[in-house]
Amino acid sequence: MNALPKIEARINMLTLADLDDTCAIENRAFERPWTRGNLVDSFMGGHIGLACRVNHQLVGYAIVMMVLDEMHLLNIVIDPDWQKRGLGQLLLEAVIALARQRDCLTLYLEVRNSNAAAQKLYNLNEFVMIGVRQQYYPTNFGREDAIVMRRSL
């Protein structure tokens, strides 16, 4: 399947005002999405959210957590209707830039073993596999392993 043409997008901060749109994207994108409560807890816990917008419409976001000189990418998603247009790459580049701005030395993430597209994106952006968390992600049919990846900054 060919990728759709790239489009102009803007990255800015994700806020609680984006909660309804964030929940809608989660529900469209994932079999087991973060709940509204998970998202609120993330904001209230001090996690940082980046929003990807096209014409002021939220089309994707990333949520990160800082721990000392490390950043953990907790969630990154592009609305399924907007995928394959370079927005995931744009958002990941913004996460990497944020980590550098905050003087982080390392960026970590977990990705589903079955998510080949995300793994390809991460590999193209110099993430390397450092381990596996067995049965980390719940699915509708059990649990799935997570691949743990790291990128040095």
C-alpha atoms as a PDB file:
ATOM      1  CA  MET A   1       0.000   0.000   0.000  1.00  0.00           C
ATOM      2  CA  ASN A   2       1.414   3.397  -0.976  1.00  0.00           C
ATOM      3  CA  ALA A   3       1.795   6.155   1.555  1.00  0.00           C
ATOM      4  CA  LEU A   4      -0.500   9.143   1.270  1.00  0.00           C
ATOM      5  CA  PRO A   5       1.064  12.537   0.504  1.00  0.00           C
ATOM      6  CA  LYS A   6       2.731  14.312   3.396  1.00  0.00           C
ATOM      7  CA  ILE A   7       0.824  17.248   4.833  1.00  0.00           C
ATOM      8  CA  GLU A   8       1.600  20.354   6.850  1.00  0.00           C
ATOM      9  CA  ALA A   9       1.251  19.808  10.582  1.00  0.00           C
ATOM     10  CA  ARG A  10       2.114  21.713  13.723  1.00  0.00           C
ATOM     11  CA  ILE A  11       3.411  20.344  17.027  1.00  0.00           C
ATOM     12  CA  ASN A  12       2.499  22.065  20.277  1.00  0.00           C
ATOM     13  CA  MET A  13       1.614  21.130  23.834  1.00  0.00           C
ATOM     14  CA  LEU A  14      -1.214  18.703  24.570  1.00  0.00           C
ATOM     15  CA  THR A  15      -3.498  19.983  27.340  1.00  0.00           C
ATOM     16  CA  LEU A  16      -6.519  18.822  29.308  1.00  0.00           C
ATOM     17  CA  ALA A  17      -8.617  20.877  26.875  1.00  0.00           C
ATOM     18  CA  ASP A  18      -7.672  18.220  24.277  1.00  0.00           C
ATOM     19  CA  LEU A  19      -8.997  15.375  26.434  1.00  0.00           C
ATOM     20  CA  ASP A  20     -12.136  14.580  24.400  1.00  0.00           C
ATOM     21  CA  ASP A  21     -10.203  14.504  21.113  1.00  0.00           C
ATOM     22  CA  THR A  22      -7.385  12.503  22.718  1.00  0.00           C
ATOM     23  CA  CYS A  23      -9.871   9.893  23.995  1.00  0.00           C
ATOM     24  CA  ALA A  24     -11.506   9.687  20.569  1.00  0.00           C
ATOM     25  CA  ILE A  25      -8.158   9.041  18.861  1.00  0.00           C
ATOM     26  CA  GLU A  26      -7.224   6.435  21.498  1.00  0.00           C
ATOM     27  CA  ASN A  27     -10.491   4.588  20.896  1.00  0.00           C
ATOM     28  CA  ARG A  28     -10.061   4.614  17.112  1.00  0.00           C
ATOM     29  CA  ALA A  29      -6.409   3.610  17.192  1.00  0.00           C
ATOM     30  CA  PHE A  30      -6.139   0.866  19.796  1.00  0.00           C
ATOM     31  CA  GLU A  31      -7.774  -2.429  20.662  1.00  0.00           C
ATOM     32  CA  ARG A  32      -7.145  -1.658  24.349  1.00  0.00           C
ATOM     33  CA  PRO A  33      -6.954   2.164  24.566  1.00  0.00           C
ATOM     34  CA  TRP A  34      -5.944   4.278  27.506  1.00  0.00           C
ATOM     35  CA  THR A  35      -9.053   5.282  29.391  1.00  0.00           C
ATOM     36  CA  ARG A  36     -10.101   8.857  30.078  1.00  0.00           C
ATOM     37  CA  GLY A  37      -8.962   8.250  33.667  1.00  0.00           C
ATOM     38  CA  ASN A  38      -5.545   7.044  32.488  1.00  0.00           C
ATOM     39  CA  LEU A  39      -5.122  10.211  30.442  1.00  0.00           C
ATOM     40  CA  VAL A  40      -6.225  12.507  33.271  1.00  0.00           C
ATOM     41  CA  ASP A  41      -3.898  10.690  35.698  1.00  0.00           C
ATOM     42  CA  SER A  42      -1.056  11.144  33.232  1.00  0.00           C
ATOM     43  CA  PHE A  43      -1.629  14.898  33.021  1.00  0.00           C
ATOM     44  CA  MET A  44      -2.066  15.229  36.784  1.00  0.00           C
ATOM     45  CA  GLY A  45       1.072  13.153  37.344  1.00  0.00           C
ATOM     46  CA  GLY A  46       3.197  15.693  35.504  1.00  0.00           C
ATOM     47  CA  HIS A  47       3.697  13.833  32.245  1.00  0.00           C
ATOM     48  CA  ILE A  48       4.288  15.986  29.185  1.00  0.00           C
ATOM     49  CA  GLY A  49       2.024  15.777  26.168  1.00  0.00           C
ATOM     50  CA  LEU A  50       2.812  16.880  22.632  1.00  0.00           C
ATOM     51  CA  ALA A  51      -0.015  17.444  20.161  1.00  0.00           C
ATOM     52  CA  CYS A  52       0.158  17.010  16.393  1.00  0.00           C
ATOM     53  CA  ARG A  53      -2.373  19.264  14.673  1.00  0.00           C
ATOM     54  CA  VAL A  54      -3.476  19.776  11.095  1.00  0.00           C
ATOM     55  CA  ASN A  55      -5.495  22.962  10.601  1.00  0.00           C
ATOM     56  CA  HIS A  56      -5.957  23.170  14.403  1.00  0.00           C
ATOM     57  CA  GLN A  57      -7.436  19.619  14.474  1.00  0.00           C
ATOM     58  CA  LEU A  58      -5.762  17.160  16.841  1.00  0.00           C
ATOM     59  CA  VAL A  59      -4.616  14.218  14.704  1.00  0.00           C
ATOM     60  CA  GLY A  60      -2.055  12.657  17.022  1.00  0.00           C
ATOM     61  CA  TYR A  61      -0.159  13.033  20.254  1.00  0.00           C
ATOM     62  CA  ALA A  62       2.681  11.734  22.366  1.00  0.00           C
ATOM     63  CA  ILE A  63       2.953  11.482  26.137  1.00  0.00           C
ATOM     64  CA  VAL A  64       6.337  11.329  27.831  1.00  0.00           C
ATOM     65  CA  MET A  65       7.623  11.011  31.371  1.00  0.00           C
ATOM     66  CA  MET A  66      10.903  12.419  32.600  1.00  0.00           C
ATOM     67  CA  VAL A  67      12.980  10.626  35.215  1.00  0.00           C
ATOM     68  CA  LEU A  68      16.237  12.400  36.044  1.00  0.00           C
ATOM     69  CA  ASP A  69      18.202  12.469  32.759  1.00  0.00           C
ATOM     70  CA  GLU A  70      15.949   9.962  30.977  1.00  0.00           C
ATOM     71  CA  MET A  71      12.748  10.371  29.032  1.00  0.00           C
ATOM     72  CA  HIS A  72      10.219   7.564  28.595  1.00  0.00           C
ATOM     73  CA  LEU A  73       7.848   7.652  25.656  1.00  0.00           C
ATOM     74  CA  LEU A  74       4.660   6.318  27.235  1.00  0.00           C
ATOM     75  CA  ASN A  75       2.271   6.709  24.319  1.00  0.00           C
ATOM     76  CA  ILE A  76       2.444   7.952  20.752  1.00  0.00           C
ATOM     77  CA  VAL A  77      -0.401   7.708  18.287  1.00  0.00           C
ATOM     78  CA  ILE A  78      -1.615   9.159  15.024  1.00  0.00           C
ATOM     79  CA  ASP A  79      -5.339   8.924  14.292  1.00  0.00           C
ATOM     80  CA  PRO A  80      -5.826   6.001  11.849  1.00  0.00           C
ATOM     81  CA  ASP A  81      -7.429   8.385   9.326  1.00  0.00           C
ATOM     82  CA  TRP A  82      -4.203  10.432   9.256  1.00  0.00           C
ATOM     83  CA  GLN A  83      -1.582   7.671   9.226  1.00  0.00           C
ATOM     84  CA  LYS A  84       0.985   7.059   6.469  1.00  0.00           C
ATOM     85  CA  ARG A  85       1.523  10.787   5.858  1.00  0.00           C
ATOM     86  CA  GLY A  86       4.745  11.327   7.806  1.00  0.00           C
ATOM     87  CA  LEU A  87       3.006  12.573  10.951  1.00  0.00           C
ATOM     88  CA  GLY A  88       4.360   9.785  13.164  1.00  0.00           C
ATOM     89  CA  GLN A  89       7.889  10.717  12.091  1.00  0.00           C
ATOM     90  CA  LEU A  90       7.200  14.399  12.737  1.00  0.00           C
ATOM     91  CA  LEU A  91       5.827  13.679  16.202  1.00  0.00           C
ATOM     92  CA  LEU A  92       8.706  11.351  17.088  1.00  0.00           C
ATOM     93  CA  GLU A  93      11.205  14.015  15.971  1.00  0.00           C
ATOM     94  CA  ALA A  94       9.446  16.464  18.300  1.00  0.00           C
ATOM     95  CA  VAL A  95       9.770  13.993  21.192  1.00  0.00           C
ATOM     96  CA  ILE A  96      13.480  13.565  20.478  1.00  0.00           C
ATOM     97  CA  ALA A  97      13.927  17.355  20.305  1.00  0.00           C
ATOM     98  CA  LEU A  98      12.078  17.782  23.612  1.00  0.00           C
ATOM     99  CA  ALA A  99      14.299  15.171  25.256  1.00  0.00           C
ATOM    100  CA  ARG A 100      17.376  17.039  24.064  1.00  0.00           C
ATOM    101  CA  GLN A 101      15.968  20.392  25.242  1.00  0.00           C
ATOM    102  CA  ARG A 102      15.437  18.868  28.680  1.00  0.00           C
ATOM    103  CA  ASP A 103      19.052  17.572  28.710  1.00  0.00           C
ATOM    104  CA  CYS A 104      18.026  13.925  28.642  1.00  0.00           C
ATOM    105  CA  LEU A 105      20.733  11.420  27.804  1.00  0.00           C
ATOM    106  CA  THR A 106      18.453   8.528  26.885  1.00  0.00           C
ATOM    107  CA  LEU A 107      14.969   7.997  25.481  1.00  0.00           C
ATOM    108  CA  TYR A 108      13.172   4.721  26.246  1.00  0.00           C
ATOM    109  CA  LEU A 109       9.966   3.128  24.974  1.00  0.00           C
ATOM    110  CA  GLU A 110       8.058  -0.127  24.788  1.00  0.00           C
ATOM    111  CA  VAL A 111       6.366  -1.293  21.607  1.00  0.00           C
ATOM    112  CA  ARG A 112       4.067  -4.225  20.967  1.00  0.00           C
ATOM    113  CA  ASN A 113       5.826  -7.211  19.473  1.00  0.00           C
ATOM    114  CA  SER A 114       3.156  -7.281  16.735  1.00  0.00           C
ATOM    115  CA  ASN A 115       3.518  -3.584  15.803  1.00  0.00           C
ATOM    116  CA  ALA A 116       5.935  -3.897  12.902  1.00  0.00           C
ATOM    117  CA  ALA A 117       5.186  -0.411  11.537  1.00  0.00           C
ATOM    118  CA  ALA A 118       6.106   1.274  14.830  1.00  0.00           C
ATOM    119  CA  GLN A 119       9.220  -0.866  15.193  1.00  0.00           C
ATOM    120  CA  LYS A 120      10.314   0.184  11.703  1.00  0.00           C
ATOM    121  CA  LEU A 121       9.794   3.860  12.597  1.00  0.00           C
ATOM    122  CA  TYR A 122      11.803   3.486  15.794  1.00  0.00           C
ATOM    123  CA  ASN A 123      14.616   1.590  14.059  1.00  0.00           C
ATOM    124  CA  LEU A 124      14.832   4.305  11.389  1.00  0.00           C
ATOM    125  CA  ASN A 125      15.216   6.813  14.244  1.00  0.00           C
ATOM    126  CA  GLU A 126      18.162   5.024  15.864  1.00  0.00           C
ATOM    127  CA  PHE A 127      16.302   3.168  18.595  1.00  0.00           C
ATOM    128  CA  VAL A 128      17.762  -0.216  19.452  1.00  0.00           C
ATOM    129  CA  MET A 129      16.146  -3.173  21.147  1.00  0.00           C
ATOM    130  CA  ILE A 130      17.481  -3.725  24.650  1.00  0.00           C
ATOM    131  CA  GLY A 131      15.055  -6.303  26.006  1.00  0.00           C
ATOM    132  CA  VAL A 132      11.599  -7.836  26.124  1.00  0.00           C
ATOM    133  CA  ARG A 133       8.889  -7.429  28.739  1.00  0.00           C
ATOM    134  CA  GLN A 134       6.989 -10.682  28.536  1.00  0.00           C
ATOM    135  CA  GLN A 135       3.193 -10.480  28.460  1.00  0.00           C
ATOM    136  CA  TYR A 136       3.317  -6.710  29.039  1.00  0.00           C
ATOM    137  CA  TYR A 137       0.362  -5.564  26.939  1.00  0.00           C
ATOM    138  CA  PRO A 138      -3.190  -6.829  27.462  1.00  0.00           C
ATOM    139  CA  THR A 139      -5.068  -7.871  24.333  1.00  0.00           C
ATOM    140  CA  ASN A 140      -8.599  -9.100  23.728  1.00  0.00           C
ATOM    141  CA  PHE A 141      -7.165 -12.632  23.619  1.00  0.00           C
ATOM    142  CA  GLY A 142      -4.584 -12.626  26.405  1.00  0.00           C
ATOM    143  CA  ARG A 143      -1.315 -10.725  26.652  1.00  0.00           C
ATOM    144  CA  GLU A 144       1.465  -9.719  24.275  1.00  0.00           C
ATOM    145  CA  ASP A 145       5.187  -9.118  24.748  1.00  0.00           C
ATOM    146  CA  ALA A 146       6.669  -5.630  24.578  1.00  0.00           C
ATOM    147  CA  ILE A 147       9.987  -4.890  22.953  1.00  0.00           C
ATOM    148  CA  VAL A 148      11.970  -2.396  25.041  1.00  0.00           C
ATOM    149  CA  MET A 149      13.928   0.086  22.948  1.00  0.00           C
ATOM    150  CA  ARG A 150      16.441   2.814  23.746  1.00  0.00           C
ATOM    151  CA  ARG A 151      17.922   5.729  21.896  1.00  0.00           C
ATOM    152  CA  SER A 152      20.967   7.556  23.191  1.00  0.00           C
ATOM    153  CA  LEU A 153      20.836  11.300  22.779  1.00  0.00           C
END
